[in-house]
């Protein structure tokens, strides 16, 4: 991983979970979720297209709570990955591309 990618991922994780933030649950420690929208299953994820999620919203929360337990329902509940990516990049002072 390039140094610039590592720095970017550190800044993303430091924001805390974007879903918890949007639900006014305060700052919660975050894991990095790489957005796969528009990628094939065997393609490497772009580190610049990552959002911060707590373990419950990322992988442990079950259907409708964790993105890896059902992305469509999760996006209905919390917004699309691309909408949340745009929010994250704005909060980091970056432009959405």
PDB file of N, CA and C in Angstrom:
ATOM      1  N   UNK A   1       0.848  -1.172   0.000  1.00  0.00           N
ATOM      2  CA  UNK A   1       0.000   0.000   0.000  1.00  0.00           C
ATOM      3  C   UNK A   1       0.897   1.239   0.000  1.00  0.00           C
ATOM      4  N   UNK A   2       0.517   2.207  -0.790  1.00  0.00           N
ATOM      5  CA  UNK A   2       1.263   3.457  -0.856  1.00  0.00           C
ATOM      6  C   UNK A   2       1.048   4.263   0.420  1.00  0.00           C
ATOM      7  N   UNK A   3       2.031   5.085   0.748  1.00  0.00           N
ATOM      8  CA  UNK A   3       1.953   5.920   1.945  1.00  0.00           C
ATOM      9  C   UNK A   3       0.734   6.847   1.892  1.00  0.00           C
ATOM     10  N   UNK A   4       0.446   7.394   0.723  1.00  0.00           N
ATOM     11  CA  UNK A   4      -0.705   8.293   0.571  1.00  0.00           C
ATOM     12  C   UNK A   4      -2.015   7.552   0.837  1.00  0.00           C
ATOM     13  N   UNK A   5      -2.109   6.301   0.391  1.00  0.00           N
ATOM     14  CA  UNK A   5      -3.313   5.501   0.645  1.00  0.00           C
ATOM     15  C   UNK A   5      -3.461   5.216   2.132  1.00  0.00           C
ATOM     16  N   UNK A   6      -2.358   4.885   2.786  1.00  0.00           N
ATOM     17  CA  UNK A   6      -2.380   4.607   4.219  1.00  0.00           C
ATOM     18  C   UNK A   6      -2.828   5.836   5.004  1.00  0.00           C
ATOM     19  N   UNK A   7      -2.320   6.999   4.639  1.00  0.00           N
ATOM     20  CA  UNK A   7      -2.714   8.243   5.297  1.00  0.00           C
ATOM     21  C   UNK A   7      -4.198   8.516   5.079  1.00  0.00           C
ATOM     22  N   UNK A   8      -4.662   8.318   3.859  1.00  0.00           N
ATOM     23  CA  UNK A   8      -6.079   8.548   3.562  1.00  0.00           C
ATOM     24  C   UNK A   8      -6.965   7.628   4.403  1.00  0.00           C
ATOM     25  N   UNK A   9      -6.631   6.342   4.468  1.00  0.00           N
ATOM     26  CA  UNK A   9      -7.435   5.397   5.246  1.00  0.00           C
ATOM     27  C   UNK A   9      -7.417   5.742   6.731  1.00  0.00           C
ATOM     28  N   UNK A  10      -6.309   6.240   7.228  1.00  0.00           N
ATOM     29  CA  UNK A  10      -6.235   6.674   8.629  1.00  0.00           C
ATOM     30  C   UNK A  10      -7.168   7.850   8.877  1.00  0.00           C
ATOM     31  N   UNK A  11      -7.206   8.789   7.949  1.00  0.00           N
ATOM     32  CA  UNK A  11      -8.102   9.947   8.076  1.00  0.00           C
ATOM     33  C   UNK A  11      -9.565   9.517   8.012  1.00  0.00           C
ATOM     34  N   UNK A  12      -9.878   8.568   7.137  1.00  0.00           N
ATOM     35  CA  UNK A  12     -11.247   8.060   7.022  1.00  0.00           C
ATOM     36  C   UNK A  12     -11.663   7.392   8.331  1.00  0.00           C
ATOM     37  N   UNK A  13     -10.835   6.503   8.850  1.00  0.00           N
ATOM     38  CA  UNK A  13     -11.160   5.790  10.090  1.00  0.00           C
ATOM     39  C   UNK A  13     -11.301   6.747  11.267  1.00  0.00           C
ATOM     40  N   UNK A  14     -10.516   7.816  11.277  1.00  0.00           N
ATOM     41  CA  UNK A  14     -10.558   8.779  12.382  1.00  0.00           C
ATOM     42  C   UNK A  14     -11.892   9.514  12.466  1.00  0.00           C
ATOM     43  N   UNK A  15     -12.659   9.536  11.384  1.00  0.00           N
ATOM     44  CA  UNK A  15     -13.978  10.180  11.416  1.00  0.00           C
ATOM     45  C   UNK A  15     -14.949   9.431  12.323  1.00  0.00           C
ATOM     46  N   UNK A  16     -14.743   8.142  12.516  1.00  0.00           N
ATOM     47  CA  UNK A  16     -15.717   7.313  13.224  1.00  0.00           C
ATOM     48  C   UNK A  16     -16.791   6.860  12.251  1.00  0.00           C
ATOM     49  N   UNK A  17     -17.648   5.977  12.698  1.00  0.00           N
ATOM     50  CA  UNK A  17     -18.682   5.393  11.840  1.00  0.00           C
ATOM     51  C   UNK A  17     -19.594   6.475  11.264  1.00  0.00           C
ATOM     52  N   UNK A  18     -19.704   6.512   9.948  1.00  0.00           N
ATOM     53  CA  UNK A  18     -20.518   7.525   9.280  1.00  0.00           C
ATOM     54  C   UNK A  18     -22.010   7.309   9.529  1.00  0.00           C
ATOM     55  N   UNK A  19     -22.435   6.062   9.681  1.00  0.00           N
ATOM     56  CA  UNK A  19     -23.846   5.781   9.960  1.00  0.00           C
ATOM     57  C   UNK A  19     -24.194   6.223  11.378  1.00  0.00           C
ATOM     58  N   UNK A  20     -23.358   5.876  12.347  1.00  0.00           N
ATOM     59  CA  UNK A  20     -23.596   6.309  13.730  1.00  0.00           C
ATOM     60  C   UNK A  20     -23.617   7.834  13.815  1.00  0.00           C
ATOM     61  N   UNK A  21     -22.712   8.478  13.095  1.00  0.00           N
ATOM     62  CA  UNK A  21     -22.654   9.947  13.075  1.00  0.00           C
ATOM     63  C   UNK A  21     -23.969  10.513  12.532  1.00  0.00           C
ATOM     64  N   UNK A  22     -24.467   9.939  11.442  1.00  0.00           N
ATOM     65  CA  UNK A  22     -25.699  10.435  10.829  1.00  0.00           C
ATOM     66  C   UNK A  22     -26.923  10.179  11.696  1.00  0.00           C
ATOM     67  N   UNK A  23     -26.853   9.185  12.568  1.00  0.00           N
ATOM     68  CA  UNK A  23     -27.968   8.878  13.466  1.00  0.00           C
ATOM     69  C   UNK A  23     -27.791   9.527  14.835  1.00  0.00           C
ATOM     70  N   UNK A  24     -26.836  10.439  14.940  1.00  0.00           N
ATOM     71  CA  UNK A  24     -26.549  11.154  16.191  1.00  0.00           C
ATOM     72  C   UNK A  24     -26.243  10.213  17.346  1.00  0.00           C
ATOM     73  N   UNK A  25     -25.511   9.139  17.059  1.00  0.00           N
ATOM     74  CA  UNK A  25     -25.109   8.184  18.090  1.00  0.00           C
ATOM     75  C   UNK A  25     -23.708   8.481  18.616  1.00  0.00           C
ATOM     76  N   UNK A  26     -23.141   9.587  18.189  1.00  0.00           N
ATOM     77  CA  UNK A  26     -21.806   9.955  18.638  1.00  0.00           C
ATOM     78  C   UNK A  26     -20.732   9.315  17.792  1.00  0.00           C
ATOM     79  N   UNK A  27     -19.501   9.536  18.224  1.00  0.00           N
ATOM     80  CA  UNK A  27     -18.363   8.982  17.500  1.00  0.00           C
ATOM     81  C   UNK A  27     -18.105   7.563  17.976  1.00  0.00           C
ATOM     82  N   UNK A  28     -18.088   6.632  17.052  1.00  0.00           N
ATOM     83  CA  UNK A  28     -17.797   5.238  17.369  1.00  0.00           C
ATOM     84  C   UNK A  28     -16.588   4.806  16.548  1.00  0.00           C
ATOM     85  N   UNK A  29     -15.733   3.968  17.113  1.00  0.00           N
ATOM     86  CA  UNK A  29     -14.555   3.500  16.372  1.00  0.00           C
ATOM     87  C   UNK A  29     -14.968   2.843  15.057  1.00  0.00           C
ATOM     88  N   UNK A  30     -14.180   3.080  14.033  1.00  0.00           N
ATOM     89  CA  UNK A  30     -14.566   2.622  12.697  1.00  0.00           C
ATOM     90  C   UNK A  30     -13.557   1.661  12.093  1.00  0.00           C
ATOM     91  N   UNK A  31     -14.102   0.775  11.274  1.00  0.00           N
ATOM     92  CA  UNK A  31     -13.327  -0.083  10.383  1.00  0.00           C
ATOM     93  C   UNK A  31     -13.472   0.507   8.982  1.00  0.00           C
ATOM     94  N   UNK A  32     -12.587   0.138   8.109  1.00  0.00           N
ATOM     95  CA  UNK A  32     -12.649   0.620   6.726  1.00  0.00           C
ATOM     96  C   UNK A  32     -13.500  -0.334   5.888  1.00  0.00           C
ATOM     97  N   UNK A  33     -14.486   0.232   5.194  1.00  0.00           N
ATOM     98  CA  UNK A  33     -15.290  -0.536   4.238  1.00  0.00           C
ATOM     99  C   UNK A  33     -14.971  -0.013   2.845  1.00  0.00           C
ATOM    100  N   UNK A  34     -14.442  -0.876   1.997  1.00  0.00           N
ATOM    101  CA  UNK A  34     -14.145  -0.514   0.613  1.00  0.00           C
ATOM    102  C   UNK A  34     -15.410  -0.663  -0.225  1.00  0.00           C
ATOM    103  N   UNK A  35     -15.756   0.385  -0.915  1.00  0.00           N
ATOM    104  CA  UNK A  35     -16.950   0.387  -1.756  1.00  0.00           C
ATOM    105  C   UNK A  35     -16.705  -0.474  -2.988  1.00  0.00           C
ATOM    106  N   UNK A  36     -17.633  -1.371  -3.251  1.00  0.00           N
ATOM    107  CA  UNK A  36     -17.511  -2.304  -4.373  1.00  0.00           C
ATOM    108  C   UNK A  36     -18.472  -1.957  -5.509  1.00  0.00           C
ATOM    109  N   UNK A  37     -19.286  -0.930  -5.358  1.00  0.00           N
ATOM    110  CA  UNK A  37     -20.234  -0.543  -6.399  1.00  0.00           C
ATOM    111  C   UNK A  37     -19.491  -0.297  -7.709  1.00  0.00           C
ATOM    112  N   UNK A  38     -19.905  -1.001  -8.751  1.00  0.00           N
ATOM    113  CA  UNK A  38     -19.297  -0.837 -10.060  1.00  0.00           C
ATOM    114  C   UNK A  38     -18.049  -1.668 -10.289  1.00  0.00           C
ATOM    115  N   UNK A  39     -17.662  -2.481  -9.301  1.00  0.00           N
ATOM    116  CA  UNK A  39     -16.476  -3.339  -9.432  1.00  0.00           C
ATOM    117  C   UNK A  39     -16.905  -4.788  -9.570  1.00  0.00           C
ATOM    118  N   UNK A  40     -16.149  -5.540 -10.317  1.00  0.00           N
ATOM    119  CA  UNK A  40     -16.352  -6.982 -10.366  1.00  0.00           C
ATOM    120  C   UNK A  40     -15.831  -7.612  -9.082  1.00  0.00           C
ATOM    121  N   UNK A  41     -16.214  -8.846  -8.830  1.00  0.00           N
ATOM    122  CA  UNK A  41     -15.824  -9.492  -7.581  1.00  0.00           C
ATOM    123  C   UNK A  41     -14.332  -9.761  -7.490  1.00  0.00           C
ATOM    124  N   UNK A  42     -13.651  -9.865  -8.614  1.00  0.00           N
ATOM    125  CA  UNK A  42     -12.225 -10.173  -8.560  1.00  0.00           C
ATOM    126  C   UNK A  42     -11.343  -8.934  -8.704  1.00  0.00           C
ATOM    127  N   UNK A  43     -11.952  -7.763  -8.792  1.00  0.00           N
ATOM    128  CA  UNK A  43     -11.173  -6.539  -8.938  1.00  0.00           C
ATOM    129  C   UNK A  43     -10.780  -5.997  -7.572  1.00  0.00           C
ATOM    130  N   UNK A  44      -9.589  -5.434  -7.514  1.00  0.00           N
ATOM    131  CA  UNK A  44      -9.099  -4.840  -6.274  1.00  0.00           C
ATOM    132  C   UNK A  44      -9.859  -3.548  -5.978  1.00  0.00           C
ATOM    133  N   UNK A  45     -10.212  -3.364  -4.716  1.00  0.00           N
ATOM    134  CA  UNK A  45     -10.940  -2.169  -4.298  1.00  0.00           C
ATOM    135  C   UNK A  45      -9.996  -0.968  -4.250  1.00  0.00           C
ATOM    136  N   UNK A  46     -10.527   0.195  -4.572  1.00  0.00           N
ATOM    137  CA  UNK A  46      -9.779   1.446  -4.528  1.00  0.00           C
ATOM    138  C   UNK A  46      -9.803   1.976  -3.095  1.00  0.00           C
ATOM    139  N   UNK A  47      -8.627   2.203  -2.505  1.00  0.00           N
ATOM    140  CA  UNK A  47      -8.557   2.703  -1.132  1.00  0.00           C
ATOM    141  C   UNK A  47      -9.199   4.083  -0.996  1.00  0.00           C
ATOM    142  N   UNK A  48      -9.244   4.836  -2.076  1.00  0.00           N
ATOM    143  CA  UNK A  48      -9.846   6.179  -2.028  1.00  0.00           C
ATOM    144  C   UNK A  48     -11.374   6.113  -1.991  1.00  0.00           C
ATOM    145  N   UNK A  49     -11.924   4.959  -2.279  1.00  0.00           N
ATOM    146  CA  UNK A  49     -13.377   4.784  -2.240  1.00  0.00           C
ATOM    147  C   UNK A  49     -13.729   3.909  -1.046  1.00  0.00           C
ATOM    148  N   UNK A  50     -13.517   4.483   0.141  1.00  0.00           N
ATOM    149  CA  UNK A  50     -13.746   3.768   1.395  1.00  0.00           C
ATOM    150  C   UNK A  50     -14.553   4.643   2.338  1.00  0.00           C
ATOM    151  N   UNK A  51     -15.385   3.996   3.140  1.00  0.00           N
ATOM    152  CA  UNK A  51     -16.155   4.708   4.155  1.00  0.00           C
ATOM    153  C   UNK A  51     -15.895   4.066   5.516  1.00  0.00           C
ATOM    154  N   UNK A  52     -16.001   4.859   6.591  1.00  0.00           N
ATOM    155  CA  UNK A  52     -15.781   4.320   7.927  1.00  0.00           C
ATOM    156  C   UNK A  52     -17.078   3.774   8.516  1.00  0.00           C
ATOM    157  N   UNK A  53     -17.043   2.523   8.969  1.00  0.00           N
ATOM    158  CA  UNK A  53     -18.207   1.898   9.591  1.00  0.00           C
ATOM    159  C   UNK A  53     -17.775   1.202  10.872  1.00  0.00           C
ATOM    160  N   UNK A  54     -18.597   1.288  11.915  1.00  0.00           N
ATOM    161  CA  UNK A  54     -18.329   0.528  13.133  1.00  0.00           C
ATOM    162  C   UNK A  54     -18.552  -0.954  12.833  1.00  0.00           C
ATOM    163  N   UNK A  55     -18.121  -1.810  13.729  1.00  0.00           N
ATOM    164  CA  UNK A  55     -18.239  -3.252  13.455  1.00  0.00           C
ATOM    165  C   UNK A  55     -19.689  -3.685  13.288  1.00  0.00           C
ATOM    166  N   UNK A  56     -20.631  -3.035  13.969  1.00  0.00           N
ATOM    167  CA  UNK A  56     -22.040  -3.417  13.826  1.00  0.00           C
ATOM    168  C   UNK A  56     -22.588  -3.041  12.447  1.00  0.00           C
ATOM    169  N   UNK A  57     -22.273  -1.858  11.970  1.00  0.00           N
ATOM    170  CA  UNK A  57     -22.757  -1.427  10.654  1.00  0.00           C
ATOM    171  C   UNK A  57     -21.936  -2.024   9.513  1.00  0.00           C
ATOM    172  N   UNK A  58     -20.774  -2.582   9.827  1.00  0.00           N
ATOM    173  CA  UNK A  58     -19.926  -3.170   8.793  1.00  0.00           C
ATOM    174  C   UNK A  58     -20.186  -4.660   8.622  1.00  0.00           C
ATOM    175  N   UNK A  59     -20.123  -5.450   9.717  1.00  0.00           N
ATOM    176  CA  UNK A  59     -20.153  -6.902   9.543  1.00  0.00           C
ATOM    177  C   UNK A  59     -20.902  -7.681  10.607  1.00  0.00           C
ATOM    178  N   UNK A  60     -21.150  -7.112  11.792  1.00  0.00           N
ATOM    179  CA  UNK A  60     -21.711  -7.900  12.898  1.00  0.00           C
ATOM    180  C   UNK A  60     -23.174  -7.633  13.224  1.00  0.00           C
ATOM    181  N   UNK A  61     -23.794  -6.643  12.621  1.00  0.00           N
ATOM    182  CA  UNK A  61     -25.121  -6.220  13.046  1.00  0.00           C
ATOM    183  C   UNK A  61     -26.293  -7.027  12.525  1.00  0.00           C
ATOM    184  N   UNK A  62     -26.072  -7.926  11.599  1.00  0.00           N
ATOM    185  CA  UNK A  62     -27.173  -8.705  11.050  1.00  0.00           C
ATOM    186  C   UNK A  62     -27.880  -7.972   9.923  1.00  0.00           C
ATOM    187  N   UNK A  63     -28.889  -8.625   9.358  1.00  0.00           N
ATOM    188  CA  UNK A  63     -29.608  -8.112   8.192  1.00  0.00           C
ATOM    189  C   UNK A  63     -30.220  -6.746   8.477  1.00  0.00           C
ATOM    190  N   UNK A  64     -29.975  -5.785   7.599  1.00  0.00           N
ATOM    191  CA  UNK A  64     -30.517  -4.443   7.736  1.00  0.00           C
ATOM    192  C   UNK A  64     -29.672  -3.527   8.594  1.00  0.00           C
ATOM    193  N   UNK A  65     -28.734  -4.093   9.347  1.00  0.00           N
ATOM    194  CA  UNK A  65     -27.850  -3.288  10.198  1.00  0.00           C
ATOM    195  C   UNK A  65     -26.426  -3.306   9.655  1.00  0.00           C
ATOM    196  N   UNK A  66     -25.932  -4.478   9.278  1.00  0.00           N
ATOM    197  CA  UNK A  66     -24.569  -4.620   8.751  1.00  0.00           C
ATOM    198  C   UNK A  66     -24.598  -4.684   7.225  1.00  0.00           C
ATOM    199  N   UNK A  67     -23.738  -3.914   6.593  1.00  0.00           N
ATOM    200  CA  UNK A  67     -23.730  -3.874   5.130  1.00  0.00           C
ATOM    201  C   UNK A  67     -23.416  -5.238   4.525  1.00  0.00           C
ATOM    202  N   UNK A  68     -22.576  -6.024   5.176  1.00  0.00           N
ATOM    203  CA  UNK A  68     -22.219  -7.334   4.628  1.00  0.00           C
ATOM    204  C   UNK A  68     -23.280  -8.399   4.899  1.00  0.00           C
ATOM    205  N   UNK A  69     -24.357  -8.023   5.573  1.00  0.00           N
ATOM    206  CA  UNK A  69     -25.461  -8.961   5.811  1.00  0.00           C
ATOM    207  C   UNK A  69     -26.624  -8.703   4.861  1.00  0.00           C
ATOM    208  N   UNK A  70     -26.490  -7.725   3.987  1.00  0.00           N
ATOM    209  CA  UNK A  70     -27.542  -7.408   3.023  1.00  0.00           C
ATOM    210  C   UNK A  70     -27.447  -5.963   2.583  1.00  0.00           C
ATOM    211  N   UNK A  71     -26.671  -5.721   1.530  1.00  0.00           N
ATOM    212  CA  UNK A  71     -26.376  -4.351   1.107  1.00  0.00           C
ATOM    213  C   UNK A  71     -27.616  -3.567   0.691  1.00  0.00           C
ATOM    214  N   UNK A  72     -28.528  -4.178  -0.054  1.00  0.00           N
ATOM    215  CA  UNK A  72     -29.702  -3.434  -0.529  1.00  0.00           C
ATOM    216  C   UNK A  72     -30.544  -2.908   0.632  1.00  0.00           C
ATOM    217  N   UNK A  73     -30.825  -3.755   1.605  1.00  0.00           N
ATOM    218  CA  UNK A  73     -31.611  -3.308   2.756  1.00  0.00           C
ATOM    219  C   UNK A  73     -30.840  -2.273   3.566  1.00  0.00           C
ATOM    220  N   UNK A  74     -29.544  -2.490   3.721  1.00  0.00           N
ATOM    221  CA  UNK A  74     -28.695  -1.548   4.444  1.00  0.00           C
ATOM    222  C   UNK A  74     -28.752  -0.169   3.785  1.00  0.00           C
ATOM    223  N   UNK A  75     -28.653  -0.136   2.447  1.00  0.00           N
ATOM    224  CA  UNK A  75     -28.709   1.133   1.728  1.00  0.00           C
ATOM    225  C   UNK A  75     -30.084   1.778   1.843  1.00  0.00           C
ATOM    226  N   UNK A  76     -31.149   0.987   1.890  1.00  0.00           N
ATOM    227  CA  UNK A  76     -32.487   1.550   2.120  1.00  0.00           C
ATOM    228  C   UNK A  76     -32.562   2.207   3.490  1.00  0.00           C
ATOM    229  N   UNK A  77     -31.885   1.624   4.463  1.00  0.00           N
ATOM    230  CA  UNK A  77     -31.929   2.144   5.833  1.00  0.00           C
ATOM    231  C   UNK A  77     -31.017   3.347   6.048  1.00  0.00           C
ATOM    232  N   UNK A  78     -29.839   3.355   5.414  1.00  0.00           N
ATOM    233  CA  UNK A  78     -28.810   4.330   5.785  1.00  0.00           C
ATOM    234  C   UNK A  78     -28.291   5.193   4.645  1.00  0.00           C
ATOM    235  N   UNK A  79     -28.673   4.927   3.408  1.00  0.00           N
ATOM    236  CA  UNK A  79     -28.144   5.649   2.257  1.00  0.00           C
ATOM    237  C   UNK A  79     -27.204   4.759   1.469  1.00  0.00           C
ATOM    238  N   UNK A  80     -26.982   5.124   0.224  1.00  0.00           N
ATOM    239  CA  UNK A  80     -26.122   4.299  -0.623  1.00  0.00           C
ATOM    240  C   UNK A  80     -24.656   4.494  -0.248  1.00  0.00           C
ATOM    241  N   UNK A  81     -23.859   3.522  -0.648  1.00  0.00           N
ATOM    242  CA  UNK A  81     -22.417   3.635  -0.421  1.00  0.00           C
ATOM    243  C   UNK A  81     -21.874   4.910  -1.069  1.00  0.00           C
ATOM    244  N   UNK A  82     -22.340   5.225  -2.269  1.00  0.00           N
ATOM    245  CA  UNK A  82     -21.835   6.407  -2.971  1.00  0.00           C
ATOM    246  C   UNK A  82     -22.270   7.698  -2.292  1.00  0.00           C
ATOM    247  N   UNK A  83     -23.486   7.747  -1.750  1.00  0.00           N
ATOM    248  CA  UNK A  83     -23.925   8.926  -0.998  1.00  0.00           C
ATOM    249  C   UNK A  83     -23.053   9.125   0.240  1.00  0.00           C
ATOM    250  N   UNK A  84     -22.778   8.037   0.941  1.00  0.00           N
ATOM    251  CA  UNK A  84     -21.959   8.130   2.149  1.00  0.00           C
ATOM    252  C   UNK A  84     -20.507   8.451   1.808  1.00  0.00           C
ATOM    253  N   UNK A  85     -20.013   7.929   0.687  1.00  0.00           N
ATOM    254  CA  UNK A  85     -18.664   8.275   0.249  1.00  0.00           C
ATOM    255  C   UNK A  85     -18.560   9.772  -0.014  1.00  0.00           C
ATOM    256  N   UNK A  86     -19.544  10.322  -0.688  1.00  0.00           N
ATOM    257  CA  UNK A  86     -19.538  11.761  -0.963  1.00  0.00           C
ATOM    258  C   UNK A  86     -19.493  12.551   0.341  1.00  0.00           C
ATOM    259  N   UNK A  87     -20.278  12.143   1.335  1.00  0.00           N
ATOM    260  CA  UNK A  87     -20.278  12.812   2.637  1.00  0.00           C
ATOM    261  C   UNK A  87     -18.903  12.716   3.300  1.00  0.00           C
ATOM    262  N   UNK A  88     -18.312  11.534   3.276  1.00  0.00           N
ATOM    263  CA  UNK A  88     -16.990  11.330   3.888  1.00  0.00           C
ATOM    264  C   UNK A  88     -15.954  12.234   3.226  1.00  0.00           C
ATOM    265  N   UNK A  89     -15.938  12.255   1.902  1.00  0.00           N
ATOM    266  CA  UNK A  89     -14.955  13.075   1.197  1.00  0.00           C
ATOM    267  C   UNK A  89     -15.153  14.556   1.485  1.00  0.00           C
ATOM    268  N   UNK A  90     -16.398  15.002   1.591  1.00  0.00           N
ATOM    269  CA  UNK A  90     -16.659  16.400   1.944  1.00  0.00           C
ATOM    270  C   UNK A  90     -16.163  16.706   3.351  1.00  0.00           C
ATOM    271  N   UNK A  91     -16.383  15.790   4.279  1.00  0.00           N
ATOM    272  CA  UNK A  91     -15.918  15.996   5.650  1.00  0.00           C
ATOM    273  C   UNK A  91     -14.396  16.012   5.729  1.00  0.00           C
ATOM    274  N   UNK A  92     -13.739  15.331   4.807  1.00  0.00           N
ATOM    275  CA  UNK A  92     -12.278  15.340   4.753  1.00  0.00           C
ATOM    276  C   UNK A  92     -11.738  16.525   3.947  1.00  0.00           C
ATOM    277  N   UNK A  93     -12.650  17.331   3.386  1.00  0.00           N
ATOM    278  CA  UNK A  93     -12.233  18.479   2.592  1.00  0.00           C
ATOM    279  C   UNK A  93     -11.787  18.116   1.192  1.00  0.00           C
ATOM    280  N   UNK A  94     -12.309  16.995   0.698  1.00  0.00           N
ATOM    281  CA  UNK A  94     -11.954  16.536  -0.647  1.00  0.00           C
ATOM    282  C   UNK A  94     -13.183  16.642  -1.541  1.00  0.00           C
ATOM    283  N   UNK A  95     -12.951  16.650  -2.834  1.00  0.00           N
ATOM    284  CA  UNK A  95     -14.058  16.683  -3.781  1.00  0.00           C
ATOM    285  C   UNK A  95     -14.420  15.272  -4.186  1.00  0.00           C
ATOM    286  N   UNK A  96     -15.708  15.045  -4.408  1.00  0.00           N
ATOM    287  CA  UNK A  96     -16.187  13.740  -4.859  1.00  0.00           C
ATOM    288  C   UNK A  96     -15.893  13.598  -6.338  1.00  0.00           C
ATOM    289  N   UNK A  97     -15.315  12.459  -6.704  1.00  0.00           N
ATOM    290  CA  UNK A  97     -15.015  12.229  -8.123  1.00  0.00           C
ATOM    291  C   UNK A  97     -15.652  10.949  -8.588  1.00  0.00           C
TER     292      UNK A  97
END
